[in-house]
Amino acid sequence: MRVLVWTTIMTSNPDSDLPNASSSQEESKPAIETIRLPTMDEIQGQDIWNNCAVRSVMSGVMGGGLGLAMGLFLGSFDTPLLQDQMTGRQQLVYQAKQMGQRSWSNCKSFALMGGPKAACVGCAGFAAFSVAIEKVLERYT
């Protein structure tokens, strides 16, 4: 099903500023613009993504992935204190352990930021802010 929208484009040429401008206005021509309505599959997909549980799980998973990547990147900068006395293999093992520990730590932290706990804290904060605004505006009415 398609819906047609009629728009009118009006152009005018003011003859005060332009030397070669004509005194008549151009005729307006209607342009047809089509608007596509969403299909049932698209509507169902939007309904799924608007579910709070789905958003919490996905934000936790995506936050965990971000924390994992950040931990791998930042863990590679950790250098051992006794680097001069370690062999290449020992340094490689140390770096791998540090990257793993930092990745897991960042993964947990970022996953919790997007999880239900963060959603509840955000909800409570917004509710408190709304009550405060209502109390302030109540004085002026």
N, C-alpha and C. Protein backbone atom coordinates (compact mmCIF):
# COMPACT_ATOMS: atom_id res chain seq x y z
N MET A 1 0.84 -1.17 0.00
CA MET A 1 0.00 0.00 0.00
C MET A 1 0.89 1.24 0.00
N ARG A 2 0.60 2.17 -0.86
CA ARG A 2 1.40 3.39 -0.94
C ARG A 2 0.49 4.59 -0.73
N VAL A 3 1.04 5.57 -0.06
CA VAL A 3 0.32 6.80 0.18
C VAL A 3 0.98 7.90 -0.63
N LEU A 4 0.18 8.67 -1.35
CA LEU A 4 0.72 9.75 -2.15
C LEU A 4 0.57 11.06 -1.41
N VAL A 5 1.63 11.84 -1.43
CA VAL A 5 1.62 13.13 -0.78
C VAL A 5 1.86 14.19 -1.85
N TRP A 6 1.00 15.17 -1.92
CA TRP A 6 1.14 16.26 -2.89
C TRP A 6 1.83 17.43 -2.22
N THR A 7 2.87 17.90 -2.84
CA THR A 7 3.54 19.09 -2.33
C THR A 7 3.57 20.14 -3.42
N THR A 8 3.57 21.36 -3.03
CA THR A 8 3.60 22.46 -3.99
C THR A 8 4.92 23.20 -3.83
N ILE A 9 5.58 23.41 -4.93
CA ILE A 9 6.83 24.13 -4.92
C ILE A 9 6.57 25.50 -5.54
N MET A 10 6.81 26.54 -4.79
CA MET A 10 6.59 27.89 -5.29
C MET A 10 7.94 28.59 -5.36
N THR A 11 8.21 29.17 -6.49
CA THR A 11 9.42 29.96 -6.64
C THR A 11 9.04 31.34 -7.10
N SER A 12 9.78 32.29 -6.64
CA SER A 12 9.52 33.66 -7.07
C SER A 12 10.84 34.35 -7.32
N ASN A 13 10.81 35.28 -8.21
CA ASN A 13 12.00 36.07 -8.53
C ASN A 13 11.70 37.53 -8.23
N PRO A 14 12.20 38.05 -7.14
CA PRO A 14 11.98 39.47 -6.90
C PRO A 14 12.78 40.30 -7.90
N ASP A 15 12.13 41.26 -8.53
CA ASP A 15 12.81 42.01 -9.57
C ASP A 15 13.54 43.22 -9.02
N SER A 16 13.64 43.37 -7.71
CA SER A 16 14.34 44.53 -7.17
C SER A 16 15.85 44.31 -7.13
N ASP A 17 16.31 43.07 -6.93
CA ASP A 17 17.74 42.82 -6.76
C ASP A 17 18.43 42.34 -8.04
N LEU A 18 17.73 41.61 -8.85
CA LEU A 18 18.35 41.03 -10.04
C LEU A 18 18.07 41.90 -11.26
N PRO A 19 19.08 42.20 -12.08
CA PRO A 19 18.84 43.05 -13.24
C PRO A 19 18.04 42.38 -14.34
N ASN A 20 18.20 41.07 -14.55
CA ASN A 20 17.51 40.38 -15.63
C ASN A 20 16.29 39.61 -15.16
N ALA A 21 15.77 39.89 -14.00
CA ALA A 21 14.64 39.15 -13.46
C ALA A 21 13.35 39.58 -14.15
N SER A 22 12.51 38.62 -14.40
CA SER A 22 11.21 38.94 -15.02
C SER A 22 10.23 39.30 -13.93
N SER A 23 9.22 40.02 -14.29
CA SER A 23 8.25 40.49 -13.31
C SER A 23 7.19 39.44 -13.02
N SER A 24 7.10 38.42 -13.81
CA SER A 24 6.09 37.39 -13.57
C SER A 24 6.68 36.26 -12.74
N GLN A 25 5.84 35.66 -11.96
CA GLN A 25 6.29 34.52 -11.14
C GLN A 25 6.13 33.24 -11.95
N GLU A 26 7.02 32.29 -11.65
CA GLU A 26 6.91 30.99 -12.33
C GLU A 26 5.72 30.24 -11.77
N GLU A 27 5.13 29.45 -12.61
CA GLU A 27 3.98 28.66 -12.16
C GLU A 27 4.46 27.56 -11.21
N SER A 28 3.64 27.28 -10.23
CA SER A 28 3.98 26.21 -9.30
C SER A 28 3.61 24.87 -9.90
N LYS A 29 4.49 23.89 -9.68
CA LYS A 29 4.27 22.55 -10.21
C LYS A 29 4.20 21.58 -9.04
N PRO A 30 3.13 20.80 -8.94
CA PRO A 30 3.05 19.84 -7.84
C PRO A 30 3.99 18.67 -8.09
N ALA A 31 4.65 18.25 -7.02
CA ALA A 31 5.53 17.09 -7.09
C ALA A 31 4.90 15.97 -6.28
N ILE A 32 5.04 14.74 -6.75
CA ILE A 32 4.46 13.59 -6.06
C ILE A 32 5.57 12.88 -5.30
N GLU A 33 5.34 12.70 -4.02
CA GLU A 33 6.29 12.02 -3.16
C GLU A 33 5.60 10.78 -2.58
N THR A 34 6.23 9.64 -2.68
CA THR A 34 5.61 8.43 -2.14
C THR A 34 6.18 8.14 -0.76
N ILE A 35 5.31 7.67 0.11
CA ILE A 35 5.70 7.26 1.45
C ILE A 35 5.38 5.78 1.59
N ARG A 36 6.38 5.01 1.96
CA ARG A 36 6.20 3.57 2.09
C ARG A 36 5.83 3.25 3.53
N LEU A 37 4.74 2.53 3.72
CA LEU A 37 4.34 2.10 5.05
C LEU A 37 5.15 0.88 5.45
N PRO A 38 5.45 0.71 6.75
CA PRO A 38 6.23 -0.46 7.17
C PRO A 38 5.44 -1.76 6.99
N THR A 39 6.15 -2.83 6.69
CA THR A 39 5.51 -4.13 6.55
C THR A 39 5.27 -4.73 7.94
N MET A 40 4.53 -5.82 7.97
CA MET A 40 4.26 -6.48 9.26
C MET A 40 5.54 -7.01 9.89
N ASP A 41 6.45 -7.52 9.06
CA ASP A 41 7.73 -8.00 9.60
C ASP A 41 8.53 -6.88 10.25
N GLU A 42 8.52 -5.70 9.63
CA GLU A 42 9.23 -4.56 10.21
C GLU A 42 8.59 -4.11 11.51
N ILE A 43 7.27 -4.13 11.57
CA ILE A 43 6.57 -3.74 12.79
C ILE A 43 6.86 -4.73 13.91
N GLN A 44 6.85 -6.03 13.60
CA GLN A 44 7.16 -7.04 14.61
C GLN A 44 8.61 -6.92 15.09
N GLY A 45 9.53 -6.61 14.17
CA GLY A 45 10.92 -6.41 14.55
C GLY A 45 11.09 -5.22 15.49
N GLN A 46 10.36 -4.14 15.22
CA GLN A 46 10.42 -2.98 16.09
C GLN A 46 9.83 -3.30 17.46
N ASP A 47 8.77 -4.10 17.49
CA ASP A 47 8.17 -4.48 18.77
C ASP A 47 9.14 -5.32 19.60
N ILE A 48 9.89 -6.19 18.95
CA ILE A 48 10.86 -7.02 19.66
C ILE A 48 11.97 -6.13 20.25
N TRP A 49 12.49 -5.21 19.44
CA TRP A 49 13.59 -4.35 19.91
C TRP A 49 13.14 -3.35 20.96
N ASN A 50 11.84 -3.04 21.02
CA ASN A 50 11.34 -2.12 22.04
C ASN A 50 11.09 -2.80 23.37
N ASN A 51 11.27 -4.12 23.45
CA ASN A 51 11.12 -4.85 24.69
C ASN A 51 12.30 -4.55 25.61
N CYS A 52 12.00 -4.23 26.86
CA CYS A 52 13.04 -3.84 27.82
C CYS A 52 14.03 -4.99 28.09
N ALA A 53 13.52 -6.21 28.17
CA ALA A 53 14.40 -7.35 28.45
C ALA A 53 15.38 -7.58 27.30
N VAL A 54 14.90 -7.46 26.08
CA VAL A 54 15.77 -7.65 24.91
C VAL A 54 16.84 -6.57 24.88
N ARG A 55 16.45 -5.34 25.15
CA ARG A 55 17.43 -4.24 25.17
C ARG A 55 18.47 -4.43 26.27
N SER A 56 18.04 -4.90 27.44
CA SER A 56 18.98 -5.11 28.54
C SER A 56 20.00 -6.19 28.19
N VAL A 57 19.51 -7.29 27.63
CA VAL A 57 20.41 -8.39 27.26
C VAL A 57 21.39 -7.93 26.17
N MET A 58 20.87 -7.26 25.15
CA MET A 58 21.73 -6.82 24.06
C MET A 58 22.75 -5.78 24.51
N SER A 59 22.34 -4.88 25.40
CA SER A 59 23.31 -3.89 25.87
C SER A 59 24.37 -4.55 26.74
N GLY A 60 23.98 -5.59 27.49
CA GLY A 60 24.97 -6.33 28.26
C GLY A 60 25.96 -7.05 27.38
N VAL A 61 25.46 -7.69 26.32
CA VAL A 61 26.33 -8.41 25.39
C VAL A 61 27.25 -7.44 24.65
N MET A 62 26.69 -6.34 24.17
CA MET A 62 27.50 -5.37 23.44
C MET A 62 28.51 -4.68 24.36
N GLY A 63 28.10 -4.40 25.59
CA GLY A 63 29.03 -3.82 26.56
C GLY A 63 30.15 -4.78 26.90
N GLY A 64 29.82 -6.06 27.01
CA GLY A 64 30.85 -7.07 27.27
C GLY A 64 31.84 -7.16 26.13
N GLY A 65 31.35 -7.10 24.90
CA GLY A 65 32.24 -7.13 23.74
C GLY A 65 33.15 -5.91 23.69
N LEU A 66 32.59 -4.75 24.02
CA LEU A 66 33.41 -3.54 24.06
C LEU A 66 34.47 -3.62 25.15
N GLY A 67 34.08 -4.13 26.32
CA GLY A 67 35.04 -4.29 27.41
C GLY A 67 36.14 -5.28 27.06
N LEU A 68 35.78 -6.34 26.37
CA LEU A 68 36.76 -7.34 25.93
C LEU A 68 37.78 -6.71 24.99
N ALA A 69 37.29 -5.94 24.03
CA ALA A 69 38.19 -5.30 23.07
C ALA A 69 39.08 -4.26 23.76
N MET A 70 38.49 -3.47 24.65
CA MET A 70 39.27 -2.46 25.36
C MET A 70 40.32 -3.11 26.26
N GLY A 71 39.95 -4.21 26.90
CA GLY A 71 40.90 -4.90 27.76
C GLY A 71 42.07 -5.47 26.98
N LEU A 72 41.79 -6.02 25.80
CA LEU A 72 42.88 -6.54 24.97
C LEU A 72 43.81 -5.42 24.54
N PHE A 73 43.22 -4.30 24.17
CA PHE A 73 44.03 -3.17 23.72
C PHE A 73 44.86 -2.58 24.86
N LEU A 74 44.20 -2.29 25.98
CA LEU A 74 44.90 -1.66 27.08
C LEU A 74 45.83 -2.62 27.82
N GLY A 75 45.49 -3.91 27.82
CA GLY A 75 46.35 -4.90 28.47
C GLY A 75 47.66 -5.09 27.74
N SER A 76 47.69 -4.76 26.47
CA SER A 76 48.94 -4.92 25.72
C SER A 76 49.99 -3.88 26.11
N PHE A 77 49.58 -2.83 26.81
CA PHE A 77 50.53 -1.81 27.23
C PHE A 77 51.19 -2.11 28.57
N ASP A 78 50.69 -3.10 29.30
CA ASP A 78 51.29 -3.45 30.59
C ASP A 78 52.64 -4.13 30.35
N THR A 79 53.65 -3.61 30.97
CA THR A 79 54.98 -4.21 30.84
C THR A 79 55.43 -4.73 32.21
N PRO A 80 56.12 -5.85 32.24
CA PRO A 80 56.59 -6.39 33.53
C PRO A 80 57.69 -5.51 34.13
N LEU A 81 57.74 -5.54 35.45
CA LEU A 81 58.77 -4.75 36.15
C LEU A 81 60.17 -5.30 35.89
N LEU A 82 60.27 -6.61 35.81
CA LEU A 82 61.59 -7.25 35.61
C LEU A 82 61.76 -7.66 34.15
N GLN A 83 61.42 -6.78 33.25
CA GLN A 83 61.44 -7.10 31.82
C GLN A 83 62.85 -7.46 31.34
N ASP A 84 63.86 -6.83 31.91
CA ASP A 84 65.23 -7.08 31.47
C ASP A 84 65.71 -8.49 31.85
N GLN A 85 65.14 -9.06 32.91
CA GLN A 85 65.58 -10.37 33.38
C GLN A 85 64.73 -11.51 32.83
N MET A 86 63.69 -11.19 32.08
CA MET A 86 62.78 -12.22 31.55
C MET A 86 63.17 -12.59 30.12
N THR A 87 62.92 -13.86 29.78
CA THR A 87 63.13 -14.30 28.40
C THR A 87 61.94 -13.83 27.55
N GLY A 88 62.06 -13.98 26.25
CA GLY A 88 60.99 -13.58 25.35
C GLY A 88 59.71 -14.36 25.60
N ARG A 89 59.87 -15.66 25.87
CA ARG A 89 58.70 -16.51 26.14
C ARG A 89 58.01 -16.08 27.44
N GLN A 90 58.79 -15.78 28.47
CA GLN A 90 58.20 -15.35 29.75
C GLN A 90 57.47 -14.01 29.58
N GLN A 91 58.03 -13.12 28.79
CA GLN A 91 57.36 -11.84 28.54
C GLN A 91 56.05 -12.04 27.77
N LEU A 92 56.06 -12.96 26.81
CA LEU A 92 54.86 -13.25 26.03
C LEU A 92 53.77 -13.84 26.92
N VAL A 93 54.13 -14.76 27.80
CA VAL A 93 53.17 -15.36 28.71
C VAL A 93 52.62 -14.30 29.67
N TYR A 94 53.49 -13.44 30.19
CA TYR A 94 53.07 -12.38 31.10
C TYR A 94 52.07 -11.43 30.40
N GLN A 95 52.40 -11.03 29.17
CA GLN A 95 51.52 -10.14 28.42
C GLN A 95 50.17 -10.79 28.17
N ALA A 96 50.16 -12.07 27.81
CA ALA A 96 48.91 -12.76 27.54
C ALA A 96 48.04 -12.84 28.80
N LYS A 97 48.66 -13.12 29.95
CA LYS A 97 47.91 -13.18 31.20
C LYS A 97 47.34 -11.81 31.56
N GLN A 98 48.15 -10.76 31.40
CA GLN A 98 47.68 -9.41 31.72
C GLN A 98 46.53 -8.99 30.80
N MET A 99 46.65 -9.32 29.53
CA MET A 99 45.59 -8.99 28.58
C MET A 99 44.32 -9.74 28.92
N GLY A 100 44.44 -11.01 29.29
CA GLY A 100 43.28 -11.80 29.66
C GLY A 100 42.59 -11.29 30.91
N GLN A 101 43.40 -10.97 31.94
CA GLN A 101 42.82 -10.46 33.19
C GLN A 101 42.13 -9.12 32.97
N ARG A 102 42.78 -8.23 32.26
CA ARG A 102 42.19 -6.91 32.02
C ARG A 102 40.96 -7.02 31.12
N SER A 103 41.00 -7.90 30.13
CA SER A 103 39.84 -8.08 29.24
C SER A 103 38.64 -8.58 30.03
N TRP A 104 38.84 -9.57 30.88
CA TRP A 104 37.73 -10.13 31.65
C TRP A 104 37.17 -9.09 32.62
N SER A 105 38.05 -8.33 33.25
CA SER A 105 37.61 -7.29 34.18
C SER A 105 36.80 -6.21 33.45
N ASN A 106 37.29 -5.73 32.32
CA ASN A 106 36.57 -4.71 31.55
C ASN A 106 35.28 -5.28 30.97
N CYS A 107 35.30 -6.53 30.57
CA CYS A 107 34.10 -7.17 30.02
C CYS A 107 32.98 -7.18 31.05
N LYS A 108 33.30 -7.57 32.29
CA LYS A 108 32.29 -7.59 33.35
C LYS A 108 31.79 -6.19 33.66
N SER A 109 32.70 -5.24 33.72
CA SER A 109 32.31 -3.86 34.07
C SER A 109 31.39 -3.25 33.01
N PHE A 110 31.76 -3.36 31.75
CA PHE A 110 30.95 -2.78 30.69
C PHE A 110 29.62 -3.53 30.52
N ALA A 111 29.61 -4.84 30.75
CA ALA A 111 28.36 -5.60 30.65
C ALA A 111 27.39 -5.17 31.73
N LEU A 112 27.90 -4.91 32.95
CA LEU A 112 27.02 -4.47 34.03
C LEU A 112 26.49 -3.06 33.81
N MET A 113 27.27 -2.23 33.11
CA MET A 113 26.80 -0.87 32.84
C MET A 113 25.54 -0.87 32.00
N GLY A 114 25.42 -1.77 31.06
CA GLY A 114 24.25 -1.82 30.19
C GLY A 114 23.19 -2.79 30.68
N GLY A 115 23.37 -3.45 31.83
CA GLY A 115 22.43 -4.46 32.28
C GLY A 115 21.27 -3.91 33.05
N PRO A 116 20.45 -4.78 33.68
CA PRO A 116 19.24 -4.37 34.39
C PRO A 116 19.53 -3.43 35.56
N LYS A 117 20.67 -3.62 36.22
CA LYS A 117 21.00 -2.75 37.35
C LYS A 117 21.10 -1.30 36.90
N ALA A 118 21.79 -1.06 35.79
CA ALA A 118 21.92 0.29 35.27
C ALA A 118 20.57 0.83 34.82
N ALA A 119 19.74 -0.02 34.24
CA ALA A 119 18.42 0.41 33.81
C ALA A 119 17.57 0.82 35.01
N CYS A 120 17.65 0.08 36.10
CA CYS A 120 16.88 0.42 37.31
C CYS A 120 17.37 1.72 37.93
N VAL A 121 18.68 1.90 37.97
CA VAL A 121 19.23 3.14 38.52
C VAL A 121 18.82 4.33 37.65
N GLY A 122 18.88 4.17 36.35
CA GLY A 122 18.45 5.23 35.44
C GLY A 122 16.98 5.54 35.58
N CYS A 123 16.17 4.51 35.75
CA CYS A 123 14.73 4.69 35.94
C CYS A 123 14.45 5.43 37.24
N ALA A 124 15.12 5.04 38.32
CA ALA A 124 14.92 5.70 39.61
C ALA A 124 15.39 7.16 39.55
N GLY A 125 16.49 7.40 38.89
CA GLY A 125 17.00 8.77 38.76
C GLY A 125 16.05 9.65 37.96
N PHE A 126 15.49 9.11 36.88
CA PHE A 126 14.54 9.87 36.08
C PHE A 126 13.27 10.14 36.86
N ALA A 127 12.81 9.16 37.64
CA ALA A 127 11.61 9.36 38.45
C ALA A 127 11.83 10.44 39.51
N ALA A 128 12.99 10.42 40.15
CA ALA A 128 13.30 11.44 41.15
C ALA A 128 13.38 12.82 40.51
N PHE A 129 13.98 12.91 39.35
CA PHE A 129 14.07 14.18 38.64
C PHE A 129 12.67 14.69 38.26
N SER A 130 11.81 13.79 37.81
CA SER A 130 10.44 14.17 37.43
C SER A 130 9.67 14.71 38.63
N VAL A 131 9.82 14.05 39.78
CA VAL A 131 9.14 14.51 40.99
C VAL A 131 9.65 15.89 41.39
N ALA A 132 10.96 16.09 41.31
CA ALA A 132 11.54 17.39 41.67
C ALA A 132 11.03 18.49 40.75
N ILE A 133 10.96 18.21 39.47
CA ILE A 133 10.47 19.21 38.51
C ILE A 133 8.99 19.52 38.78
N GLU A 134 8.20 18.49 39.06
CA GLU A 134 6.78 18.71 39.38
C GLU A 134 6.62 19.59 40.61
N LYS A 135 7.44 19.38 41.62
CA LYS A 135 7.36 20.19 42.84
C LYS A 135 7.74 21.64 42.57
N VAL A 136 8.76 21.84 41.75
CA VAL A 136 9.18 23.20 41.43
C VAL A 136 8.10 23.91 40.60
N LEU A 137 7.57 23.23 39.59
CA LEU A 137 6.55 23.85 38.74
C LEU A 137 5.23 24.04 39.47
N GLU A 138 4.97 23.25 40.49
CA GLU A 138 3.73 23.35 41.25
C GLU A 138 3.65 24.69 41.98
N ARG A 139 4.78 25.25 42.36
CA ARG A 139 4.82 26.53 43.08
C ARG A 139 4.38 27.69 42.19
N TYR A 140 4.64 27.57 40.88
CA TYR A 140 4.37 28.69 39.98
C TYR A 140 2.97 28.63 39.35
N THR A 141 2.22 27.59 39.61
CA THR A 141 0.86 27.52 39.05
C THR A 141 -0.21 27.80 40.05
